[in-house]
Amino acid sequence: MAIRKENSTNMQNEKCITEGCDLTYAVCKIGGRWKLLILCKLEEGKLRFGEIKKLIPGVTERMLTLQLRELEKDGLVNRTVYAEVPPRVDYELTVVAKELIPIWSQLSNWGKKHKILMK
């Protein structure tokens, strides 16, 4: 995850946008190229990093790591580390993220319909 300066223009703009509109706040938390896809893959239950990577072949390991860290920081993904050799880490949706399932399902349905209309 890129560390941005707290007083940077980008951070100030994001703060202004997310504080002024609840919808924009929500979209900022799940927006981006990979976050929704990662969340959707975790819908069925816990997955290890390698399993997520296999389910999303286009994402690089670095990007997947960054996106998982952001989702964890934002309270949408739980990361569980097991004290084993070799170490094992599982990722799963939080209760808060599970509230989004019907929303992204509706958004997916809209996307399917819109794609057909645009062809």
N, C-alpha and C. Protein backbone atom coordinates (compact mmCIF):
# COMPACT_ATOMS: atom_id res chain seq x y z
N MET A 1 0.85 -1.16 0.00
CA MET A 1 0.00 0.00 0.00
C MET A 1 0.90 1.23 0.00
N ALA A 2 0.65 2.11 -0.91
CA ALA A 2 1.44 3.33 -0.99
C ALA A 2 1.09 4.22 0.20
N ILE A 3 2.12 4.69 0.83
CA ILE A 3 1.92 5.60 1.95
C ILE A 3 1.80 7.01 1.38
N ARG A 4 0.67 7.63 1.67
CA ARG A 4 0.45 8.99 1.18
C ARG A 4 0.58 9.95 2.35
N LYS A 5 1.09 11.11 2.06
CA LYS A 5 1.22 12.13 3.09
C LYS A 5 -0.17 12.60 3.50
N GLU A 6 -0.37 12.78 4.80
CA GLU A 6 -1.66 13.20 5.33
C GLU A 6 -2.12 14.54 4.76
N ASN A 7 -1.16 15.42 4.46
CA ASN A 7 -1.54 16.75 3.96
C ASN A 7 -1.41 16.88 2.45
N SER A 8 -1.29 15.73 1.75
CA SER A 8 -1.18 15.79 0.30
C SER A 8 -2.54 16.19 -0.29
N THR A 9 -2.50 16.74 -1.49
CA THR A 9 -3.73 17.13 -2.16
C THR A 9 -4.64 15.93 -2.36
N ASN A 10 -4.05 14.79 -2.72
CA ASN A 10 -4.82 13.57 -2.93
C ASN A 10 -5.56 13.18 -1.65
N MET A 11 -4.88 13.20 -0.52
CA MET A 11 -5.51 12.84 0.76
C MET A 11 -6.57 13.86 1.14
N GLN A 12 -6.29 15.13 0.92
CA GLN A 12 -7.27 16.17 1.25
C GLN A 12 -8.52 16.02 0.40
N ASN A 13 -8.35 15.74 -0.90
CA ASN A 13 -9.49 15.53 -1.78
C ASN A 13 -10.31 14.32 -1.35
N GLU A 14 -9.63 13.22 -1.04
CA GLU A 14 -10.33 12.01 -0.62
C GLU A 14 -11.12 12.26 0.67
N LYS A 15 -10.49 12.94 1.61
CA LYS A 15 -11.17 13.25 2.88
C LYS A 15 -12.41 14.11 2.64
N CYS A 16 -12.29 15.10 1.80
CA CYS A 16 -13.41 16.00 1.48
C CYS A 16 -14.55 15.22 0.82
N ILE A 17 -14.21 14.38 -0.12
CA ILE A 17 -15.22 13.62 -0.86
C ILE A 17 -15.91 12.61 0.06
N THR A 18 -15.13 11.87 0.85
CA THR A 18 -15.73 10.81 1.67
C THR A 18 -16.48 11.34 2.88
N GLU A 19 -16.10 12.50 3.37
CA GLU A 19 -16.82 13.08 4.50
C GLU A 19 -18.13 13.72 4.06
N GLY A 20 -18.20 14.14 2.81
CA GLY A 20 -19.38 14.85 2.32
C GLY A 20 -20.48 13.96 1.79
N CYS A 21 -20.16 12.71 1.46
CA CYS A 21 -21.16 11.85 0.81
C CYS A 21 -20.97 10.40 1.26
N ASP A 22 -22.01 9.83 1.84
CA ASP A 22 -21.92 8.45 2.33
C ASP A 22 -21.69 7.45 1.19
N LEU A 23 -22.31 7.69 0.05
CA LEU A 23 -22.13 6.80 -1.10
C LEU A 23 -20.68 6.82 -1.57
N THR A 24 -20.10 7.99 -1.66
CA THR A 24 -18.70 8.11 -2.09
C THR A 24 -17.78 7.43 -1.08
N TYR A 25 -18.08 7.57 0.20
CA TYR A 25 -17.30 6.90 1.23
C TYR A 25 -17.31 5.39 0.97
N ALA A 26 -18.50 4.84 0.75
CA ALA A 26 -18.63 3.40 0.53
C ALA A 26 -17.87 2.96 -0.72
N VAL A 27 -18.02 3.72 -1.79
CA VAL A 27 -17.34 3.37 -3.04
C VAL A 27 -15.82 3.43 -2.87
N CYS A 28 -15.33 4.37 -2.10
CA CYS A 28 -13.88 4.46 -1.85
C CYS A 28 -13.37 3.22 -1.12
N LYS A 29 -14.18 2.65 -0.25
CA LYS A 29 -13.76 1.48 0.52
C LYS A 29 -13.71 0.21 -0.33
N ILE A 30 -14.60 0.10 -1.31
CA ILE A 30 -14.64 -1.12 -2.13
C ILE A 30 -14.21 -0.88 -3.57
N GLY A 31 -13.88 0.37 -3.89
CA GLY A 31 -13.52 0.72 -5.26
C GLY A 31 -12.14 0.25 -5.64
N GLY A 32 -11.84 0.42 -6.88
CA GLY A 32 -10.55 -0.02 -7.40
C GLY A 32 -10.75 -1.25 -8.26
N ARG A 33 -9.72 -1.66 -8.92
CA ARG A 33 -9.81 -2.73 -9.90
C ARG A 33 -10.05 -4.10 -9.25
N TRP A 34 -9.50 -4.35 -8.07
CA TRP A 34 -9.49 -5.71 -7.53
C TRP A 34 -10.33 -5.92 -6.28
N LYS A 35 -10.64 -4.88 -5.52
CA LYS A 35 -11.27 -5.07 -4.21
C LYS A 35 -12.59 -5.82 -4.26
N LEU A 36 -13.50 -5.41 -5.12
CA LEU A 36 -14.79 -6.09 -5.20
C LEU A 36 -14.62 -7.54 -5.63
N LEU A 37 -13.72 -7.78 -6.54
CA LEU A 37 -13.47 -9.14 -7.00
C LEU A 37 -12.94 -10.00 -5.86
N ILE A 38 -12.02 -9.47 -5.07
CA ILE A 38 -11.49 -10.19 -3.91
C ILE A 38 -12.62 -10.49 -2.92
N LEU A 39 -13.42 -9.47 -2.62
CA LEU A 39 -14.53 -9.66 -1.69
C LEU A 39 -15.49 -10.73 -2.19
N CYS A 40 -15.81 -10.70 -3.48
CA CYS A 40 -16.72 -11.70 -4.05
C CYS A 40 -16.15 -13.11 -3.93
N LYS A 41 -14.86 -13.26 -4.13
CA LYS A 41 -14.23 -14.58 -4.02
C LYS A 41 -14.28 -15.10 -2.59
N LEU A 42 -14.27 -14.20 -1.62
CA LEU A 42 -14.32 -14.59 -0.20
C LEU A 42 -15.75 -14.83 0.29
N GLU A 43 -16.72 -14.61 -0.57
CA GLU A 43 -18.12 -14.75 -0.19
C GLU A 43 -18.44 -16.17 0.30
N GLU A 44 -17.82 -17.17 -0.28
CA GLU A 44 -18.10 -18.57 0.08
C GLU A 44 -17.41 -19.01 1.36
N GLY A 45 -16.44 -18.23 1.86
CA GLY A 45 -15.75 -18.61 3.09
C GLY A 45 -14.28 -18.29 3.05
N LYS A 46 -13.57 -18.81 4.03
CA LYS A 46 -12.13 -18.54 4.19
C LYS A 46 -11.34 -19.05 3.00
N LEU A 47 -10.34 -18.26 2.62
CA LEU A 47 -9.42 -18.67 1.56
C LEU A 47 -8.01 -18.27 1.96
N ARG A 48 -7.05 -19.06 1.51
CA ARG A 48 -5.64 -18.70 1.69
C ARG A 48 -5.21 -17.81 0.54
N PHE A 49 -4.09 -17.13 0.73
CA PHE A 49 -3.58 -16.19 -0.27
C PHE A 49 -3.47 -16.86 -1.64
N GLY A 50 -2.84 -18.03 -1.68
CA GLY A 50 -2.64 -18.73 -2.94
C GLY A 50 -3.94 -19.10 -3.62
N GLU A 51 -4.96 -19.43 -2.83
CA GLU A 51 -6.27 -19.77 -3.39
C GLU A 51 -6.91 -18.54 -4.04
N ILE A 52 -6.80 -17.41 -3.35
CA ILE A 52 -7.34 -16.17 -3.92
C ILE A 52 -6.62 -15.85 -5.21
N LYS A 53 -5.30 -15.98 -5.20
CA LYS A 53 -4.49 -15.68 -6.39
C LYS A 53 -4.90 -16.56 -7.57
N LYS A 54 -5.18 -17.83 -7.32
CA LYS A 54 -5.61 -18.74 -8.39
C LYS A 54 -6.98 -18.35 -8.94
N LEU A 55 -7.86 -17.84 -8.07
CA LEU A 55 -9.20 -17.46 -8.49
C LEU A 55 -9.21 -16.14 -9.27
N ILE A 56 -8.13 -15.35 -9.11
CA ILE A 56 -8.02 -14.06 -9.81
C ILE A 56 -6.68 -14.05 -10.54
N PRO A 57 -6.59 -14.76 -11.65
CA PRO A 57 -5.30 -14.93 -12.31
C PRO A 57 -4.65 -13.65 -12.81
N GLY A 58 -5.39 -12.59 -13.07
CA GLY A 58 -4.81 -11.37 -13.59
C GLY A 58 -4.12 -10.49 -12.56
N VAL A 59 -4.33 -10.74 -11.28
CA VAL A 59 -3.76 -9.88 -10.24
C VAL A 59 -2.35 -10.35 -9.90
N THR A 60 -1.45 -9.38 -9.70
CA THR A 60 -0.09 -9.74 -9.28
C THR A 60 -0.09 -10.00 -7.78
N GLU A 61 0.91 -10.71 -7.30
CA GLU A 61 1.02 -10.99 -5.87
C GLU A 61 1.13 -9.69 -5.08
N ARG A 62 1.90 -8.76 -5.59
CA ARG A 62 2.08 -7.48 -4.90
C ARG A 62 0.75 -6.73 -4.79
N MET A 63 -0.01 -6.67 -5.87
CA MET A 63 -1.28 -5.96 -5.86
C MET A 63 -2.28 -6.66 -4.95
N LEU A 64 -2.31 -7.99 -5.00
CA LEU A 64 -3.21 -8.73 -4.13
C LEU A 64 -2.87 -8.47 -2.66
N THR A 65 -1.60 -8.46 -2.34
CA THR A 65 -1.17 -8.16 -0.97
C THR A 65 -1.62 -6.77 -0.56
N LEU A 66 -1.40 -5.78 -1.41
CA LEU A 66 -1.78 -4.40 -1.09
C LEU A 66 -3.29 -4.27 -0.90
N GLN A 67 -4.05 -4.89 -1.80
CA GLN A 67 -5.51 -4.78 -1.72
C GLN A 67 -6.04 -5.49 -0.47
N LEU A 68 -5.49 -6.66 -0.14
CA LEU A 68 -5.90 -7.36 1.07
C LEU A 68 -5.58 -6.54 2.32
N ARG A 69 -4.43 -5.89 2.32
CA ARG A 69 -4.07 -5.03 3.47
C ARG A 69 -5.05 -3.87 3.62
N GLU A 70 -5.42 -3.24 2.51
CA GLU A 70 -6.38 -2.14 2.57
C GLU A 70 -7.74 -2.63 3.04
N LEU A 71 -8.18 -3.77 2.53
CA LEU A 71 -9.48 -4.32 2.93
C LEU A 71 -9.47 -4.68 4.42
N GLU A 72 -8.33 -5.18 4.89
CA GLU A 72 -8.20 -5.50 6.32
C GLU A 72 -8.23 -4.21 7.16
N LYS A 73 -7.49 -3.22 6.71
CA LYS A 73 -7.44 -1.92 7.41
C LYS A 73 -8.82 -1.28 7.47
N ASP A 74 -9.60 -1.44 6.42
CA ASP A 74 -10.94 -0.85 6.36
C ASP A 74 -12.02 -1.71 7.02
N GLY A 75 -11.60 -2.83 7.63
CA GLY A 75 -12.54 -3.65 8.38
C GLY A 75 -13.44 -4.53 7.55
N LEU A 76 -13.03 -4.82 6.32
CA LEU A 76 -13.84 -5.65 5.44
C LEU A 76 -13.35 -7.09 5.34
N VAL A 77 -12.09 -7.32 5.70
CA VAL A 77 -11.49 -8.66 5.64
C VAL A 77 -10.78 -8.94 6.95
N ASN A 78 -10.98 -10.15 7.47
CA ASN A 78 -10.22 -10.63 8.63
C ASN A 78 -9.07 -11.47 8.13
N ARG A 79 -7.90 -11.26 8.70
CA ARG A 79 -6.70 -12.03 8.36
C ARG A 79 -6.33 -12.82 9.61
N THR A 80 -6.28 -14.14 9.47
CA THR A 80 -5.94 -15.00 10.59
C THR A 80 -4.63 -15.70 10.29
N VAL A 81 -3.64 -15.53 11.18
CA VAL A 81 -2.33 -16.16 11.02
C VAL A 81 -2.26 -17.32 12.01
N TYR A 82 -1.93 -18.50 11.51
CA TYR A 82 -1.82 -19.69 12.35
C TYR A 82 -0.34 -19.94 12.64
N ALA A 83 -0.05 -20.25 13.89
CA ALA A 83 1.33 -20.49 14.32
C ALA A 83 1.73 -21.92 13.94
N GLU A 84 2.00 -22.08 12.67
CA GLU A 84 2.39 -23.38 12.13
C GLU A 84 3.66 -23.20 11.31
N VAL A 85 4.30 -24.32 11.02
CA VAL A 85 5.44 -24.30 10.11
C VAL A 85 5.09 -25.19 8.94
N PRO A 86 5.03 -24.68 7.72
CA PRO A 86 5.13 -23.26 7.35
C PRO A 86 3.89 -22.49 7.81
N PRO A 87 4.05 -21.17 7.97
CA PRO A 87 2.93 -20.36 8.44
C PRO A 87 1.74 -20.42 7.48
N ARG A 88 0.55 -20.38 8.05
CA ARG A 88 -0.67 -20.41 7.24
C ARG A 88 -1.47 -19.16 7.58
N VAL A 89 -2.00 -18.52 6.54
CA VAL A 89 -2.81 -17.31 6.72
C VAL A 89 -4.11 -17.50 5.95
N ASP A 90 -5.22 -17.24 6.64
CA ASP A 90 -6.54 -17.29 6.00
C ASP A 90 -7.12 -15.89 5.95
N TYR A 91 -7.93 -15.66 4.93
CA TYR A 91 -8.67 -14.40 4.79
C TYR A 91 -10.15 -14.74 4.71
N GLU A 92 -10.97 -13.91 5.35
CA GLU A 92 -12.42 -14.10 5.28
C GLU A 92 -13.11 -12.75 5.43
N LEU A 93 -14.35 -12.70 4.97
CA LEU A 93 -15.14 -11.48 5.08
C LEU A 93 -15.50 -11.22 6.54
N THR A 94 -15.53 -9.95 6.91
CA THR A 94 -16.03 -9.57 8.22
C THR A 94 -17.55 -9.48 8.15
N VAL A 95 -18.17 -9.33 9.30
CA VAL A 95 -19.63 -9.16 9.35
C VAL A 95 -20.04 -7.93 8.54
N VAL A 96 -19.26 -6.88 8.64
CA VAL A 96 -19.54 -5.64 7.90
C VAL A 96 -19.51 -5.90 6.40
N ALA A 97 -18.52 -6.65 5.93
CA ALA A 97 -18.41 -6.95 4.50
C ALA A 97 -19.55 -7.83 4.03
N LYS A 98 -20.00 -8.76 4.88
CA LYS A 98 -21.11 -9.64 4.49
C LYS A 98 -22.39 -8.86 4.25
N GLU A 99 -22.52 -7.69 4.88
CA GLU A 99 -23.69 -6.83 4.63
C GLU A 99 -23.71 -6.33 3.18
N LEU A 100 -22.55 -6.33 2.54
CA LEU A 100 -22.44 -5.84 1.17
C LEU A 100 -22.85 -6.88 0.12
N ILE A 101 -22.96 -8.14 0.50
CA ILE A 101 -23.24 -9.21 -0.48
C ILE A 101 -24.48 -8.92 -1.32
N PRO A 102 -25.63 -8.58 -0.72
CA PRO A 102 -26.79 -8.31 -1.58
C PRO A 102 -26.58 -7.08 -2.47
N ILE A 103 -25.78 -6.15 -2.01
CA ILE A 103 -25.53 -4.93 -2.79
C ILE A 103 -24.69 -5.25 -4.01
N TRP A 104 -23.59 -6.01 -3.83
CA TRP A 104 -22.78 -6.33 -5.00
C TRP A 104 -23.47 -7.33 -5.91
N SER A 105 -24.38 -8.12 -5.37
CA SER A 105 -25.18 -9.01 -6.23
C SER A 105 -26.09 -8.18 -7.14
N GLN A 106 -26.74 -7.17 -6.58
CA GLN A 106 -27.58 -6.29 -7.39
C GLN A 106 -26.75 -5.53 -8.41
N LEU A 107 -25.60 -5.07 -8.01
CA LEU A 107 -24.71 -4.34 -8.92
C LEU A 107 -24.25 -5.26 -10.05
N SER A 108 -23.99 -6.52 -9.73
CA SER A 108 -23.60 -7.49 -10.75
C SER A 108 -24.74 -7.71 -11.74
N ASN A 109 -25.95 -7.83 -11.25
CA ASN A 109 -27.12 -7.98 -12.14
C ASN A 109 -27.27 -6.78 -13.05
N TRP A 110 -27.09 -5.60 -12.49
CA TRP A 110 -27.16 -4.38 -13.30
C TRP A 110 -26.08 -4.40 -14.38
N GLY A 111 -24.86 -4.80 -14.00
CA GLY A 111 -23.76 -4.86 -14.96
C GLY A 111 -24.04 -5.82 -16.10
N LYS A 112 -24.62 -6.97 -15.77
CA LYS A 112 -24.97 -7.96 -16.80
C LYS A 112 -25.97 -7.37 -17.79
N LYS A 113 -27.02 -6.72 -17.27
CA LYS A 113 -28.02 -6.12 -18.13
C LYS A 113 -27.44 -4.99 -18.98
N HIS A 114 -26.61 -4.16 -18.36
CA HIS A 114 -26.04 -3.02 -19.05
C HIS A 114 -25.10 -3.46 -20.17
N LYS A 115 -24.31 -4.49 -19.91
CA LYS A 115 -23.39 -5.01 -20.95
C LYS A 115 -24.17 -5.46 -22.17
N ILE A 116 -25.29 -6.15 -21.94
CA ILE A 116 -26.12 -6.63 -23.05
C ILE A 116 -26.68 -5.44 -23.84
N LEU A 117 -27.15 -4.43 -23.12
CA LEU A 117 -27.72 -3.26 -23.80
C LEU A 117 -26.69 -2.49 -24.61
N MET A 118 -25.45 -2.51 -24.18
CA MET A 118 -24.40 -1.73 -24.83
C MET A 118 -23.78 -2.46 -26.03
N LYS A 119 -24.14 -3.71 -26.24
CA LYS A 119 -23.57 -4.47 -27.37
C LYS A 119 -24.27 -4.13 -28.66
